[in-house]
Amino acid sequence: MSELISIIIPTFNRSHVISQTLDSILRQTYQNWECIIVDDRSTDNTKEVIEKYLNKDSRFKFYQRPDNMLKGPNSCRNVGFQYCSGKWINWFDSDDIYLDTALEEFIKNVESDVDVVVGKLVKLDSVTKEVVGHNRIFSENLLENYFTGFVSFYVCGPLWNKEFLNKQEQLFDENIRYLDDWDFNLRMLYQTPKIKFIDRILFEYNIDPASLSNEIYKLDSTEINSEIYAREKQLKIIQENKLIDYSICLKYVRERYKIILRDILVSGKRHNDKRRLLFTILKKDLKLKNLFFYKITLGYLSFLIFKKGYFFFK
């Protein structure tokens, strides 16, 4: 089988790392690929770095996000999909690295009725290159475990059948900056695709302390609001369609919000999201009929007045 694979990469100010990613594509043992790079209007020399690859290999293609589309990787991914020609689609990030046989392994596992093939990755510290973890891609209760983070594909893990993607009303939600892959993969899983799992590492996933995916840990307001938007969107879908146990998902989201609120309070920073998070948590306590809802309020007030109260958030 020699079907074309389209690799779609959004990028923004990644001139210092994108060469490693593109070099890993050039090293692939499977050669029938195209790589569509969509730049999010970089302000560094990312474009100049990419031009070297455009001149080196015609399989690399370059586009820029139109000015009338929202800034962000999701807009770039959607643009890239418009231009791709492959039967199979692999979304990739500009600091991800393919192992040399990754595409070959994907194609070996493609079957006529498969909608998506999912491979594993190893997580590396982008500075020290030390292994910091691996992802889990399979469980007997996939939807629930993906929602709660027990299972994770990330954006690069799945190879999607383009015919399946063409049937979807929405690909990447351009209003989401954080949890974009979580939202996308969940919505695809709701459509009950036929999945083939590869119990083998195909990618290196670099964890960069300065990357967008880590802004949430810096208590960035934009990323916190993106997380709330994504979580609430998914809760609404689940509640309306009864796809999985709503109460389990509600508890998981409540705990996630509680951790963010605690971290904001511990930081001592002035933050506009504190009150919103508190009221959102309390609303979830009411839905869950949680009799200990007062604990989170006591913790909140304790931090505001005494600068302590960690106990109430356990």
Protein backbone atom coordinates (compact mmCIF):
# COMPACT_ATOMS: atom_id res chain seq x y z
CA MET A 1 0.00 0.00 0.00
CA SER A 2 1.41 3.39 -0.97
CA GLU A 3 -1.29 5.92 -0.10
CA LEU A 4 -0.42 9.56 0.36
CA ILE A 5 -0.11 10.84 3.93
CA SER A 6 -0.67 14.56 4.53
CA ILE A 7 1.24 15.95 7.51
CA ILE A 8 -0.26 19.26 8.64
CA ILE A 9 1.89 21.51 10.85
CA PRO A 10 0.88 24.87 12.33
CA THR A 11 3.78 27.06 13.43
CA PHE A 12 4.46 30.38 15.09
CA ASN A 13 7.91 31.74 15.95
CA ARG A 14 9.45 28.26 15.96
CA SER A 15 12.58 28.96 13.92
CA HIS A 16 14.72 27.49 16.70
CA VAL A 17 13.05 24.05 16.67
CA ILE A 18 11.14 23.44 13.45
CA SER A 19 14.22 22.20 11.55
CA GLN A 20 14.38 19.16 13.84
CA THR A 21 10.76 18.38 13.08
CA LEU A 22 11.14 18.75 9.32
CA ASP A 23 14.36 16.73 9.33
CA SER A 24 12.51 13.89 11.04
CA ILE A 25 10.02 13.93 8.17
CA LEU A 26 12.79 13.76 5.59
CA ARG A 27 14.22 10.71 7.37
CA GLN A 28 11.00 8.71 7.03
CA THR A 29 11.36 5.23 5.53
CA TYR A 30 7.89 5.72 4.02
CA GLN A 31 8.25 8.28 1.26
CA ASN A 32 4.74 8.97 -0.01
CA TRP A 33 3.96 12.02 2.06
CA GLU A 34 3.33 15.72 1.75
CA CYS A 35 3.95 18.22 4.52
CA ILE A 36 1.71 21.27 4.70
CA ILE A 37 3.10 23.99 6.95
CA VAL A 38 0.78 26.84 7.91
CA ASP A 39 2.42 29.83 9.54
CA ASP A 40 0.46 31.84 12.11
CA ARG A 41 2.11 35.10 10.96
CA SER A 42 5.45 34.53 12.73
CA THR A 43 7.52 37.55 13.68
CA ASP A 44 10.87 35.74 13.78
CA ASN A 45 12.70 34.06 10.86
CA THR A 46 10.53 30.92 10.82
CA LYS A 47 9.58 31.57 7.19
CA GLU A 48 13.24 31.78 6.11
CA VAL A 49 14.00 28.46 7.83
CA ILE A 50 11.05 26.80 6.12
CA GLU A 51 12.04 28.19 2.71
CA LYS A 52 15.22 26.09 2.84
CA TYR A 53 13.05 22.97 3.03
CA LEU A 54 10.73 24.19 0.29
CA ASN A 55 13.77 24.51 -1.97
CA LYS A 56 15.15 21.15 -0.87
CA ASP A 57 12.01 19.01 -1.36
CA SER A 58 8.81 19.79 -3.29
CA ARG A 59 6.78 17.68 -0.88
CA PHE A 60 6.95 20.57 1.58
CA LYS A 61 4.25 23.19 1.03
CA PHE A 62 3.88 26.52 2.79
CA TYR A 63 0.85 28.72 3.53
CA GLN A 64 0.03 31.53 5.90
CA ARG A 65 -3.07 31.94 8.03
CA PRO A 66 -5.43 34.39 6.30
CA ASP A 67 -5.79 37.69 8.15
CA ASN A 68 -9.55 37.22 8.45
CA MET A 69 -9.16 34.04 10.52
CA LEU A 70 -8.54 33.92 14.28
CA LYS A 71 -4.93 33.69 15.33
CA GLY A 72 -3.90 30.31 16.72
CA PRO A 73 -2.83 26.78 15.78
CA ASN A 74 -6.40 25.57 15.25
CA SER A 75 -7.04 28.07 12.48
CA CYS A 76 -3.77 26.99 10.87
CA ARG A 77 -4.73 23.31 11.09
CA ASN A 78 -8.08 23.99 9.46
CA VAL A 79 -6.36 25.96 6.70
CA GLY A 80 -3.92 23.11 6.15
CA PHE A 81 -6.76 20.64 5.81
CA GLN A 82 -8.22 22.71 2.98
CA TYR A 83 -5.02 22.26 0.98
CA CYS A 84 -4.15 18.64 1.76
CA SER A 85 -4.35 15.91 -0.88
CA GLY A 86 -3.63 12.78 1.16
CA LYS A 87 -5.99 9.93 1.94
CA TRP A 88 -4.55 9.91 5.46
CA ILE A 89 -4.03 12.92 7.71
CA ASN A 90 -1.56 13.34 10.55
CA TRP A 91 -1.78 16.56 12.53
CA PHE A 92 1.67 17.43 13.84
CA ASP A 93 3.23 20.22 15.89
CA SER A 94 6.34 22.16 15.01
CA ASP A 95 8.39 20.67 17.86
CA ASP A 96 7.21 17.05 17.56
CA ILE A 97 9.66 14.48 16.19
CA TYR A 98 8.87 11.38 14.12
CA LEU A 99 10.83 8.22 14.72
CA ASP A 100 12.26 7.12 11.36
CA THR A 101 9.71 4.35 10.72
CA ALA A 102 6.63 6.17 12.09
CA LEU A 103 4.79 6.65 8.79
CA GLU A 104 5.71 3.14 7.66
CA GLU A 105 4.23 1.72 10.88
CA PHE A 106 1.08 3.75 10.32
CA ILE A 107 0.62 2.46 6.78
CA LYS A 108 1.27 -1.14 7.82
CA ASN A 109 -1.74 -0.89 10.13
CA VAL A 110 -4.11 0.79 7.69
CA GLU A 111 -7.12 -1.29 6.72
CA SER A 112 -9.95 -0.50 4.31
CA ASP A 113 -12.55 0.06 7.02
CA VAL A 114 -10.31 1.80 9.59
CA ASP A 115 -11.07 5.45 10.39
CA VAL A 116 -8.02 6.15 12.51
CA VAL A 117 -4.74 4.50 13.49
CA VAL A 118 -3.28 5.59 16.84
CA GLY A 119 0.37 5.34 17.86
CA LYS A 120 2.18 6.04 21.12
CA LEU A 121 4.71 8.70 22.02
CA VAL A 122 7.47 9.32 24.52
CA LYS A 123 7.55 12.64 26.38
CA LEU A 124 10.94 14.35 26.54
CA ASP A 125 12.17 17.40 28.39
CA SER A 126 12.99 19.73 25.47
CA VAL A 127 16.11 21.02 27.23
CA THR A 128 17.64 17.95 28.88
CA LYS A 129 16.09 15.37 26.51
CA GLU A 130 15.34 13.19 29.52
CA VAL A 131 12.29 10.91 29.31
CA VAL A 132 9.51 12.33 31.49
CA GLY A 133 6.71 9.93 30.58
CA HIS A 134 4.70 7.99 28.02
CA ASN A 135 1.07 8.24 26.99
CA ARG A 136 -1.59 5.56 27.34
CA ILE A 137 -3.72 5.14 24.22
CA PHE A 138 -6.09 2.25 24.97
CA SER A 139 -8.67 1.29 27.57
CA GLU A 140 -11.90 -0.67 27.68
CA ASN A 141 -13.77 2.52 28.58
CA LEU A 142 -12.12 4.81 26.05
CA LEU A 143 -14.48 7.79 26.02
CA GLU A 144 -14.64 8.23 29.77
CA ASN A 145 -10.93 7.62 30.23
CA TYR A 146 -10.03 10.05 27.46
CA PHE A 147 -12.23 12.71 29.02
CA THR A 148 -10.58 12.28 32.42
CA GLY A 149 -7.04 12.16 31.05
CA PHE A 150 -6.28 8.50 31.82
CA VAL A 151 -5.92 8.01 28.06
CA SER A 152 -4.38 10.63 25.75
CA PHE A 153 -3.59 10.71 22.04
CA TYR A 154 -2.24 14.26 21.85
CA VAL A 155 -2.53 15.89 18.44
CA CYS A 156 0.13 13.82 16.67
CA GLY A 157 -0.84 10.32 17.82
CA PRO A 158 -3.69 9.54 15.40
CA LEU A 159 -3.51 9.05 11.63
CA TRP A 160 -6.99 9.98 10.40
CA ASN A 161 -8.79 8.76 7.33
CA LYS A 162 -9.66 11.89 5.36
CA GLU A 163 -13.03 10.44 4.36
CA PHE A 164 -13.94 10.25 8.05
CA LEU A 165 -12.80 13.82 8.71
CA ASN A 166 -14.76 15.12 5.72
CA LYS A 167 -17.97 13.91 7.36
CA GLN A 168 -17.47 16.04 10.47
CA GLU A 169 -19.30 19.31 10.97
CA GLN A 170 -16.28 20.87 12.66
CA LEU A 171 -12.61 19.99 12.80
CA PHE A 172 -10.56 22.15 15.19
CA ASP A 173 -12.44 24.72 17.26
CA GLU A 174 -10.70 28.01 16.51
CA ASN A 175 -11.90 29.54 19.78
CA ILE A 176 -9.78 27.10 21.81
CA ARG A 177 -6.10 27.74 22.47
CA TYR A 178 -5.53 25.26 25.31
CA LEU A 179 -6.97 21.70 25.24
CA ASP A 180 -7.42 21.98 21.48
CA ASP A 181 -6.36 18.37 20.84
CA TRP A 182 -8.48 17.13 23.79
CA ASP A 183 -11.57 18.82 22.37
CA PHE A 184 -10.89 17.64 18.82
CA ASN A 185 -10.13 14.02 19.68
CA LEU A 186 -13.14 13.74 21.98
CA ARG A 187 -15.51 15.00 19.31
CA MET A 188 -14.06 12.53 16.83
CA LEU A 189 -14.38 9.68 19.35
CA TYR A 190 -18.06 10.54 19.87
CA GLN A 191 -18.59 9.49 16.25
CA THR A 192 -17.47 5.94 17.15
CA PRO A 193 -14.69 5.62 14.55
CA LYS A 194 -13.13 2.23 13.92
CA ILE A 195 -9.72 2.49 15.60
CA LYS A 196 -6.53 0.49 15.15
CA PHE A 197 -4.04 0.86 18.00
CA ILE A 198 -0.27 0.48 17.57
CA ASP A 199 1.37 -0.50 20.86
CA ARG A 200 4.65 1.08 19.82
CA ILE A 201 6.30 4.47 20.21
CA LEU A 202 6.23 6.44 16.96
CA PHE A 203 6.92 9.99 18.15
CA GLU A 204 8.97 12.11 20.49
CA TYR A 205 6.83 14.76 22.19
CA ASN A 206 8.94 17.63 23.50
CA ILE A 207 7.72 19.42 26.60
CA ASP A 208 8.93 23.00 26.35
CA PRO A 209 8.48 25.15 29.49
CA ALA A 210 7.95 28.17 27.22
CA SER A 211 5.36 26.55 24.95
CA LEU A 212 1.68 27.39 24.69
CA SER A 213 0.70 24.06 26.25
CA ASN A 214 2.47 25.07 29.46
CA GLU A 215 0.97 28.56 29.77
CA ILE A 216 -1.83 27.12 31.89
CA TYR A 217 0.72 26.25 34.57
CA LYS A 218 1.83 29.87 34.59
CA LEU A 219 -1.76 30.82 35.42
CA ASP A 220 -2.18 32.69 32.16
CA SER A 221 -5.70 34.10 32.03
CA THR A 222 -6.18 33.41 28.32
CA GLU A 223 -5.30 29.75 28.77
CA ILE A 224 -7.47 29.38 31.88
CA ASN A 225 -10.44 30.82 30.02
CA SER A 226 -9.71 28.50 27.10
CA GLU A 227 -9.72 25.52 29.44
CA ILE A 228 -13.03 26.57 30.98
CA TYR A 229 -14.53 27.06 27.52
CA ALA A 230 -13.37 23.62 26.35
CA ARG A 231 -14.46 21.80 29.51
CA GLU A 232 -17.90 23.43 29.60
CA LYS A 233 -18.40 22.74 25.89
CA GLN A 234 -17.68 19.05 26.37
CA LEU A 235 -19.87 18.79 29.47
CA LYS A 236 -22.76 20.23 27.49
CA ILE A 237 -22.24 17.73 24.66
CA ILE A 238 -22.14 14.82 27.11
CA GLN A 239 -25.20 15.99 29.02
CA GLU A 240 -27.23 16.43 25.86
CA ASN A 241 -26.17 13.19 24.18
CA LYS A 242 -25.69 10.94 27.23
CA LEU A 243 -22.52 9.55 25.69
CA ILE A 244 -20.81 8.76 28.99
CA ASP A 245 -21.52 9.13 32.71
CA TYR A 246 -22.15 12.84 33.15
CA SER A 247 -21.54 12.83 36.92
CA ILE A 248 -18.05 11.34 36.52
CA CYS A 249 -17.14 14.02 33.99
CA LEU A 250 -18.64 16.74 36.17
CA LYS A 251 -16.57 15.61 39.16
CA TYR A 252 -13.43 15.53 37.05
CA VAL A 253 -13.97 19.08 35.74
CA ARG A 254 -14.79 20.34 39.24
CA GLU A 255 -11.53 18.92 40.58
CA ARG A 256 -9.63 20.46 37.69
CA TYR A 257 -11.11 23.90 38.40
CA LYS A 258 -10.36 23.48 42.09
CA ILE A 259 -6.68 22.84 41.35
CA ILE A 260 -6.46 25.94 39.14
CA LEU A 261 -8.20 28.11 41.77
CA ARG A 262 -5.92 26.78 44.51
CA ASP A 263 -2.82 27.51 42.43
CA ILE A 264 -3.99 31.05 41.73
CA LEU A 265 -4.63 31.68 45.42
CA VAL A 266 -1.30 30.16 46.49
CA SER A 267 0.54 32.33 43.96
CA GLY A 268 -0.81 35.45 45.64
CA LYS A 269 -1.22 37.11 42.27
CA ARG A 270 -4.05 39.47 41.44
CA HIS A 271 -6.16 37.44 39.07
CA ASN A 272 -9.49 38.21 37.41
CA ASP A 273 -10.46 34.53 37.17
CA LYS A 274 -10.60 33.75 40.91
CA ARG A 275 -14.22 34.69 41.52
CA ARG A 276 -15.43 33.15 38.26
CA LEU A 277 -13.74 29.85 39.13
CA LEU A 278 -15.21 29.86 42.63
CA PHE A 279 -18.77 30.36 41.40
CA THR A 280 -18.31 27.79 38.64
CA ILE A 281 -17.13 25.22 41.21
CA LEU A 282 -20.06 26.00 43.51
CA LYS A 283 -22.52 25.52 40.65
CA LYS A 284 -21.04 22.10 40.02
CA ASP A 285 -21.31 21.26 43.71
CA LEU A 286 -25.02 22.02 43.52
CA LYS A 287 -25.44 19.74 40.51
CA LEU A 288 -23.50 17.00 42.29
CA LYS A 289 -25.45 17.62 45.53
CA ASN A 290 -22.12 17.95 47.30
CA LEU A 291 -22.81 18.56 50.99
CA PHE A 292 -19.29 19.87 51.59
CA PHE A 293 -19.53 22.74 49.11
CA TYR A 294 -18.77 25.19 51.93
CA LYS A 295 -15.17 23.91 52.15
CA ILE A 296 -14.14 25.54 48.90
CA THR A 297 -15.69 28.85 50.03
CA LEU A 298 -13.87 28.67 53.38
CA GLY A 299 -10.62 27.93 51.58
CA TYR A 300 -11.16 30.84 49.23
CA LEU A 301 -11.85 33.29 52.09
CA SER A 302 -8.97 31.90 54.15
CA PHE A 303 -6.51 32.58 51.36
CA LEU A 304 -7.87 36.07 50.79
CA ILE A 305 -7.70 37.02 54.48
CA PHE A 306 -4.91 34.92 56.01
CA LYS A 307 -2.91 33.89 52.90
CA LYS A 308 -3.34 30.24 53.88
CA GLY A 309 -5.99 27.53 53.62
CA TYR A 310 -4.46 24.78 51.49
CA PHE A 311 -6.26 22.16 53.60
CA PHE A 312 -9.66 23.16 52.25
CA PHE A 313 -8.59 22.31 48.69
CA LYS A 314 -7.61 18.69 49.37
